[in-house]
Amino acid sequence: MRKRTSVRAVWDKDVTSLLKSLGVLDSLVAGEFQCAVCSKSVDLENLGAIFSKDGAVKVTCDTISCVRIVTSAEVASPLG
């Protein structure tokens, strides 16, 4: 049987508020984040997913395959 994964969503208009509350907005805007799957640089324009792993905030780019990997596997923990 396939394991169910809970995926939380946030409206586009609320993404900056979420990132600010997580303390990572400035770093993301500055291009300091890399996709946790493909290592591509991630900013507000190509942000795909935000998740927690080992207590740290991680992101993926907006490539469907990268988002799918973290939302369908036991790679990520939900935030909040």
C-alpha atoms as a PDB file:
ATOM      1  CA  MET A   1       0.000   0.000   0.000  1.00  0.00           C
ATOM      2  CA  ARG A   2       1.235   3.466  -0.861  1.00  0.00           C
ATOM      3  CA  LYS A   3       2.102   5.786   2.036  1.00  0.00           C
ATOM      4  CA  ARG A   4       0.175   9.047   2.189  1.00  0.00           C
ATOM      5  CA  THR A   5       2.067  12.301   2.444  1.00  0.00           C
ATOM      6  CA  SER A   6       0.607  15.521   3.777  1.00  0.00           C
ATOM      7  CA  VAL A   7       1.467  18.558   1.682  1.00  0.00           C
ATOM      8  CA  ARG A   8       0.734  22.047   2.970  1.00  0.00           C
ATOM      9  CA  ALA A   9       0.233  24.918   0.564  1.00  0.00           C
ATOM     10  CA  VAL A  10       0.561  28.678   0.840  1.00  0.00           C
ATOM     11  CA  TRP A  11      -0.862  31.371  -1.418  1.00  0.00           C
ATOM     12  CA  ASP A  12       1.652  33.239  -3.589  1.00  0.00           C
ATOM     13  CA  LYS A  13       0.782  36.480  -1.804  1.00  0.00           C
ATOM     14  CA  ASP A  14       1.745  34.912   1.549  1.00  0.00           C
ATOM     15  CA  VAL A  15       5.081  33.340   0.555  1.00  0.00           C
ATOM     16  CA  THR A  16       7.217  36.325   1.587  1.00  0.00           C
ATOM     17  CA  SER A  17       5.487  36.463   4.985  1.00  0.00           C
ATOM     18  CA  LEU A  18       6.141  32.746   5.513  1.00  0.00           C
ATOM     19  CA  LEU A  19       9.790  33.065   4.491  1.00  0.00           C
ATOM     20  CA  LYS A  20      10.221  36.081   6.767  1.00  0.00           C
ATOM     21  CA  SER A  21       8.667  34.209   9.722  1.00  0.00           C
ATOM     22  CA  LEU A  22      11.100  31.346   9.081  1.00  0.00           C
ATOM     23  CA  GLY A  23      14.005  33.811   9.065  1.00  0.00           C
ATOM     24  CA  VAL A  24      15.141  32.953   5.541  1.00  0.00           C
ATOM     25  CA  LEU A  25      13.647  35.666   3.312  1.00  0.00           C
ATOM     26  CA  ASP A  26      16.799  37.788   3.059  1.00  0.00           C
ATOM     27  CA  SER A  27      18.991  34.763   2.324  1.00  0.00           C
ATOM     28  CA  LEU A  28      16.622  33.505  -0.357  1.00  0.00           C
ATOM     29  CA  VAL A  29      16.382  36.936  -2.014  1.00  0.00           C
ATOM     30  CA  ALA A  30      20.190  37.155  -1.932  1.00  0.00           C
ATOM     31  CA  GLY A  31      20.418  33.846  -3.816  1.00  0.00           C
ATOM     32  CA  GLU A  32      22.044  31.961  -0.949  1.00  0.00           C
ATOM     33  CA  PHE A  33      19.770  28.918  -1.231  1.00  0.00           C
ATOM     34  CA  GLN A  34      20.257  25.953  -3.539  1.00  0.00           C
ATOM     35  CA  CYS A  35      17.694  23.357  -4.547  1.00  0.00           C
ATOM     36  CA  ALA A  36      17.953  20.417  -2.159  1.00  0.00           C
ATOM     37  CA  VAL A  37      17.566  18.054  -5.118  1.00  0.00           C
ATOM     38  CA  CYS A  38      19.461  19.465  -8.118  1.00  0.00           C
ATOM     39  CA  SER A  39      21.601  22.186  -6.447  1.00  0.00           C
ATOM     40  CA  LYS A  40      20.308  24.913  -8.786  1.00  0.00           C
ATOM     41  CA  SER A  41      20.286  28.416  -7.234  1.00  0.00           C
ATOM     42  CA  VAL A  42      16.824  29.258  -5.847  1.00  0.00           C
ATOM     43  CA  ASP A  43      15.255  32.683  -5.349  1.00  0.00           C
ATOM     44  CA  LEU A  44      11.692  34.018  -5.197  1.00  0.00           C
ATOM     45  CA  GLU A  45      11.264  33.616  -8.956  1.00  0.00           C
ATOM     46  CA  ASN A  46      11.914  29.863  -9.081  1.00  0.00           C
ATOM     47  CA  LEU A  47      10.947  28.714  -5.572  1.00  0.00           C
ATOM     48  CA  GLY A  48       9.123  25.390  -5.759  1.00  0.00           C
ATOM     49  CA  ALA A  49       8.839  23.968  -2.237  1.00  0.00           C
ATOM     50  CA  ILE A  50       9.875  24.848   1.302  1.00  0.00           C
ATOM     51  CA  PHE A  51      10.459  22.072   3.830  1.00  0.00           C
ATOM     52  CA  SER A  52      12.385  21.123   6.931  1.00  0.00           C
ATOM     53  CA  LYS A  53      15.115  18.520   7.114  1.00  0.00           C
ATOM     54  CA  ASP A  54      17.218  17.833  10.192  1.00  0.00           C
ATOM     55  CA  GLY A  55      15.872  21.041  11.749  1.00  0.00           C
ATOM     56  CA  ALA A  56      16.946  23.278   8.862  1.00  0.00           C
ATOM     57  CA  VAL A  57      14.781  25.081   6.305  1.00  0.00           C
ATOM     58  CA  LYS A  58      15.399  23.680   2.826  1.00  0.00           C
ATOM     59  CA  VAL A  59      13.952  24.594  -0.579  1.00  0.00           C
ATOM     60  CA  THR A  60      13.580  23.190  -4.051  1.00  0.00           C
ATOM     61  CA  CYS A  61      13.501  24.933  -7.382  1.00  0.00           C
ATOM     62  CA  ASP A  62      10.234  24.957  -9.303  1.00  0.00           C
ATOM     63  CA  THR A  63      11.203  22.050 -11.552  1.00  0.00           C
ATOM     64  CA  ILE A  64       8.368  19.528 -11.243  1.00  0.00           C
ATOM     65  CA  SER A  65      10.700  16.578 -10.710  1.00  0.00           C
ATOM     66  CA  CYS A  66      12.469  18.306  -7.790  1.00  0.00           C
ATOM     67  CA  VAL A  67       9.199  19.271  -6.091  1.00  0.00           C
ATOM     68  CA  ARG A  68       7.816  15.769  -6.651  1.00  0.00           C
ATOM     69  CA  ILE A  69      10.849  14.155  -5.000  1.00  0.00           C
ATOM     70  CA  VAL A  70      10.443  16.052  -1.727  1.00  0.00           C
ATOM     71  CA  THR A  71       6.651  15.858  -1.636  1.00  0.00           C
ATOM     72  CA  SER A  72       6.398  12.152  -2.420  1.00  0.00           C
ATOM     73  CA  ALA A  73       9.271  10.730  -0.365  1.00  0.00           C
ATOM     74  CA  GLU A  74      10.320  10.724   3.243  1.00  0.00           C
ATOM     75  CA  VAL A  75      12.880  13.397   2.470  1.00  0.00           C
ATOM     76  CA  ALA A  76      11.059  16.333   4.044  1.00  0.00           C
ATOM     77  CA  SER A  77       9.196  17.233   7.174  1.00  0.00           C
ATOM     78  CA  PRO A  78       6.315  19.722   7.007  1.00  0.00           C
ATOM     79  CA  LEU A  79       6.925  23.198   8.377  1.00  0.00           C
ATOM     80  CA  GLY A  80       4.841  24.590  11.199  1.00  0.00           C
END
